[in-house]
Amino acid sequence: MMPVGDGSFYLYLHGDVRKASDTKVGDKVAVEVGFDSGYINGPQHPVPKWFASALEADPEVLKNWEALIPSRKKEVLRYFSRLKSPEAIERNLARVLHVLLGKPGRFMARTWKDGV
């Protein structure tokens, strides 16, 4: 949801959701929000062995990984789960280690500074 500025919000819906709900872009909808007590926060994808080994090998990298907010960790692990080729794994491991060492750089279409 994105704030409009007057106390209301824009809710962006995926095309499949709009189709299923018979809504169009610009339609006004009522939304009910509830608390899910069964929700468990944290990464849903496991830490790949190749990344876990790299974290354990460098205390600075591990410290900066642990300092990341949970949603950023989840984003990184989701990204890693989609890597298929050994070349992609190697390339992305080098990039994440670079930024987690606190060096400025780009990883996952984001500019990183000081390991975060």
C-alpha atoms as a PDB file:
ATOM      1  CA  MET A   1       0.000   0.000   0.000  1.00  0.00           C
ATOM      2  CA  MET A   2       1.222   3.465  -0.814  1.00  0.00           C
ATOM      3  CA  PRO A   3       0.050   6.566   1.078  1.00  0.00           C
ATOM      4  CA  VAL A   4      -1.742   9.155  -1.044  1.00  0.00           C
ATOM      5  CA  GLY A   5      -1.080  11.986   1.395  1.00  0.00           C
ATOM      6  CA  ASP A   6      -4.613  12.647   2.568  1.00  0.00           C
ATOM      7  CA  GLY A   7      -4.850   9.647   4.912  1.00  0.00           C
ATOM      8  CA  SER A   8      -5.895   7.238   2.177  1.00  0.00           C
ATOM      9  CA  PHE A   9      -3.776   4.677   0.368  1.00  0.00           C
ATOM     10  CA  TYR A  10      -3.275   3.190  -3.062  1.00  0.00           C
ATOM     11  CA  LEU A  11      -3.382  -0.591  -3.018  1.00  0.00           C
ATOM     12  CA  TYR A  12      -1.535  -2.182  -5.909  1.00  0.00           C
ATOM     13  CA  LEU A  13      -3.048  -5.509  -6.923  1.00  0.00           C
ATOM     14  CA  HIS A  14      -1.532  -8.121  -9.199  1.00  0.00           C
ATOM     15  CA  GLY A  15      -3.457  -8.601 -12.446  1.00  0.00           C
ATOM     16  CA  ASP A  16      -4.618 -12.079 -11.392  1.00  0.00           C
ATOM     17  CA  VAL A  17      -6.063 -10.641  -8.159  1.00  0.00           C
ATOM     18  CA  ARG A  18      -7.816  -7.843 -10.049  1.00  0.00           C
ATOM     19  CA  LYS A  19      -9.278 -10.355 -12.465  1.00  0.00           C
ATOM     20  CA  ALA A  20     -10.464 -12.666  -9.669  1.00  0.00           C
ATOM     21  CA  SER A  21     -11.996  -9.743  -7.758  1.00  0.00           C
ATOM     22  CA  ASP A  22     -13.496  -8.167 -10.891  1.00  0.00           C
ATOM     23  CA  THR A  23     -11.765  -4.836 -10.225  1.00  0.00           C
ATOM     24  CA  LYS A  24      -9.983  -2.438 -12.538  1.00  0.00           C
ATOM     25  CA  VAL A  25      -7.166   0.046 -12.012  1.00  0.00           C
ATOM     26  CA  GLY A  26      -8.674   3.081 -10.250  1.00  0.00           C
ATOM     27  CA  ASP A  27     -11.575   1.213  -8.612  1.00  0.00           C
ATOM     28  CA  LYS A  28     -12.218   1.941  -4.953  1.00  0.00           C
ATOM     29  CA  VAL A  29     -12.228  -1.130  -2.728  1.00  0.00           C
ATOM     30  CA  ALA A  30     -12.800  -1.785   0.961  1.00  0.00           C
ATOM     31  CA  VAL A  31     -10.007  -3.698   2.666  1.00  0.00           C
ATOM     32  CA  GLU A  32     -10.099  -5.476   6.007  1.00  0.00           C
ATOM     33  CA  VAL A  33      -6.762  -6.014   7.718  1.00  0.00           C
ATOM     34  CA  GLY A  34      -6.289  -8.563  10.456  1.00  0.00           C
ATOM     35  CA  PHE A  35      -3.478  -9.889  12.609  1.00  0.00           C
ATOM     36  CA  ASP A  36      -2.212 -13.383  11.794  1.00  0.00           C
ATOM     37  CA  SER A  37      -0.996 -14.811  15.109  1.00  0.00           C
ATOM     38  CA  GLY A  38       0.353 -17.860  13.275  1.00  0.00           C
ATOM     39  CA  TYR A  39       2.748 -15.825  11.143  1.00  0.00           C
ATOM     40  CA  ILE A  40       6.385 -16.706  11.737  1.00  0.00           C
ATOM     41  CA  ASN A  41       8.780 -13.970  10.730  1.00  0.00           C
ATOM     42  CA  GLY A  42      12.099 -14.682   9.121  1.00  0.00           C
ATOM     43  CA  PRO A  43      13.538 -16.141   5.959  1.00  0.00           C
ATOM     44  CA  GLN A  44      11.384 -18.749   4.259  1.00  0.00           C
ATOM     45  CA  HIS A  45      14.233 -20.046   2.128  1.00  0.00           C
ATOM     46  CA  PRO A  46      17.087 -21.944   3.752  1.00  0.00           C
ATOM     47  CA  VAL A  47      20.591 -20.537   3.725  1.00  0.00           C
ATOM     48  CA  PRO A  48      22.402 -22.367   0.893  1.00  0.00           C
ATOM     49  CA  LYS A  49      25.417 -24.394   2.021  1.00  0.00           C
ATOM     50  CA  TRP A  50      27.730 -22.393  -0.223  1.00  0.00           C
ATOM     51  CA  PHE A  51      26.585 -19.158   1.435  1.00  0.00           C
ATOM     52  CA  ALA A  52      26.651 -20.585   4.972  1.00  0.00           C
ATOM     53  CA  SER A  53      30.269 -21.666   4.406  1.00  0.00           C
ATOM     54  CA  ALA A  54      31.196 -18.183   3.211  1.00  0.00           C
ATOM     55  CA  LEU A  55      29.508 -16.595   6.238  1.00  0.00           C
ATOM     56  CA  GLU A  56      31.362 -18.887   8.634  1.00  0.00           C
ATOM     57  CA  ALA A  57      34.685 -18.212   6.899  1.00  0.00           C
ATOM     58  CA  ASP A  58      34.679 -14.460   7.567  1.00  0.00           C
ATOM     59  CA  PRO A  59      33.621 -12.890  10.893  1.00  0.00           C
ATOM     60  CA  GLU A  60      33.111  -9.451   9.300  1.00  0.00           C
ATOM     61  CA  VAL A  61      30.784 -10.860   6.652  1.00  0.00           C
ATOM     62  CA  LEU A  62      28.862 -12.803   9.304  1.00  0.00           C
ATOM     63  CA  LYS A  63      28.561  -9.733  11.536  1.00  0.00           C
ATOM     64  CA  ASN A  64      27.175  -7.633   8.680  1.00  0.00           C
ATOM     65  CA  TRP A  65      24.807 -10.438   7.601  1.00  0.00           C
ATOM     66  CA  GLU A  66      23.438 -10.698  11.134  1.00  0.00           C
ATOM     67  CA  ALA A  67      22.998  -6.900  11.241  1.00  0.00           C
ATOM     68  CA  LEU A  68      20.704  -6.919   8.206  1.00  0.00           C
ATOM     69  CA  ILE A  69      17.016  -6.419   8.865  1.00  0.00           C
ATOM     70  CA  PRO A  70      14.971  -9.641   8.544  1.00  0.00           C
ATOM     71  CA  SER A  71      13.210  -8.507   5.370  1.00  0.00           C
ATOM     72  CA  ARG A  72      16.565  -7.883   3.638  1.00  0.00           C
ATOM     73  CA  LYS A  73      17.823 -11.341   4.636  1.00  0.00           C
ATOM     74  CA  LYS A  74      14.605 -12.849   3.325  1.00  0.00           C
ATOM     75  CA  GLU A  75      15.037 -10.952   0.045  1.00  0.00           C
ATOM     76  CA  VAL A  76      18.633 -12.164  -0.387  1.00  0.00           C
ATOM     77  CA  LEU A  77      17.771 -15.786   0.400  1.00  0.00           C
ATOM     78  CA  ARG A  78      14.803 -15.708  -1.975  1.00  0.00           C
ATOM     79  CA  TYR A  79      17.134 -14.354  -4.676  1.00  0.00           C
ATOM     80  CA  PHE A  80      19.703 -17.090  -3.966  1.00  0.00           C
ATOM     81  CA  SER A  81      17.016 -19.787  -4.178  1.00  0.00           C
ATOM     82  CA  ARG A  82      16.459 -18.909  -7.833  1.00  0.00           C
ATOM     83  CA  LEU A  83      20.088 -19.208  -8.901  1.00  0.00           C
ATOM     84  CA  LYS A  84      20.630 -22.276 -11.069  1.00  0.00           C
ATOM     85  CA  SER A  85      24.039 -22.350 -12.708  1.00  0.00           C
ATOM     86  CA  PRO A  86      27.364 -22.639 -10.898  1.00  0.00           C
ATOM     87  CA  GLU A  87      28.458 -19.474 -12.714  1.00  0.00           C
ATOM     88  CA  ALA A  88      25.478 -17.497 -11.375  1.00  0.00           C
ATOM     89  CA  ILE A  89      26.127 -18.787  -7.861  1.00  0.00           C
ATOM     90  CA  GLU A  90      29.820 -17.891  -8.042  1.00  0.00           C
ATOM     91  CA  ARG A  91      29.115 -14.426  -9.493  1.00  0.00           C
ATOM     92  CA  ASN A  92      26.456 -13.577  -6.899  1.00  0.00           C
ATOM     93  CA  LEU A  93      28.459 -14.985  -4.005  1.00  0.00           C
ATOM     94  CA  ALA A  94      31.346 -12.682  -4.954  1.00  0.00           C
ATOM     95  CA  ARG A  95      28.962  -9.700  -5.104  1.00  0.00           C
ATOM     96  CA  VAL A  96      27.273 -10.369  -1.769  1.00  0.00           C
ATOM     97  CA  LEU A  97      30.602 -10.970  -0.014  1.00  0.00           C
ATOM     98  CA  HIS A  98      31.930  -7.712  -1.439  1.00  0.00           C
ATOM     99  CA  VAL A  99      29.056  -5.655  -0.038  1.00  0.00           C
ATOM    100  CA  LEU A 100      28.907  -7.590   3.245  1.00  0.00           C
ATOM    101  CA  LEU A 101      32.570  -6.729   3.775  1.00  0.00           C
ATOM    102  CA  GLY A 102      31.415  -3.127   3.960  1.00  0.00           C
ATOM    103  CA  LYS A 103      32.703  -2.177   0.537  1.00  0.00           C
ATOM    104  CA  PRO A 104      30.425   0.007  -1.574  1.00  0.00           C
ATOM    105  CA  GLY A 105      28.873  -1.789  -4.479  1.00  0.00           C
ATOM    106  CA  ARG A 106      25.715  -2.964  -6.182  1.00  0.00           C
ATOM    107  CA  PHE A 107      23.962  -6.207  -5.448  1.00  0.00           C
ATOM    108  CA  MET A 108      20.386  -7.146  -6.299  1.00  0.00           C
ATOM    109  CA  ALA A 109      19.817  -3.811  -8.090  1.00  0.00           C
ATOM    110  CA  ARG A 110      20.598  -1.903  -4.905  1.00  0.00           C
ATOM    111  CA  THR A 111      23.530   0.253  -3.849  1.00  0.00           C
ATOM    112  CA  TRP A 112      25.053  -1.041  -0.601  1.00  0.00           C
ATOM    113  CA  LYS A 113      27.238   0.937   1.779  1.00  0.00           C
ATOM    114  CA  ASP A 114      28.982  -0.215   4.957  1.00  0.00           C
ATOM    115  CA  GLY A 115      27.672  -3.776   4.604  1.00  0.00           C
ATOM    116  CA  VAL A 116      23.987  -2.828   4.719  1.00  0.00           C
END
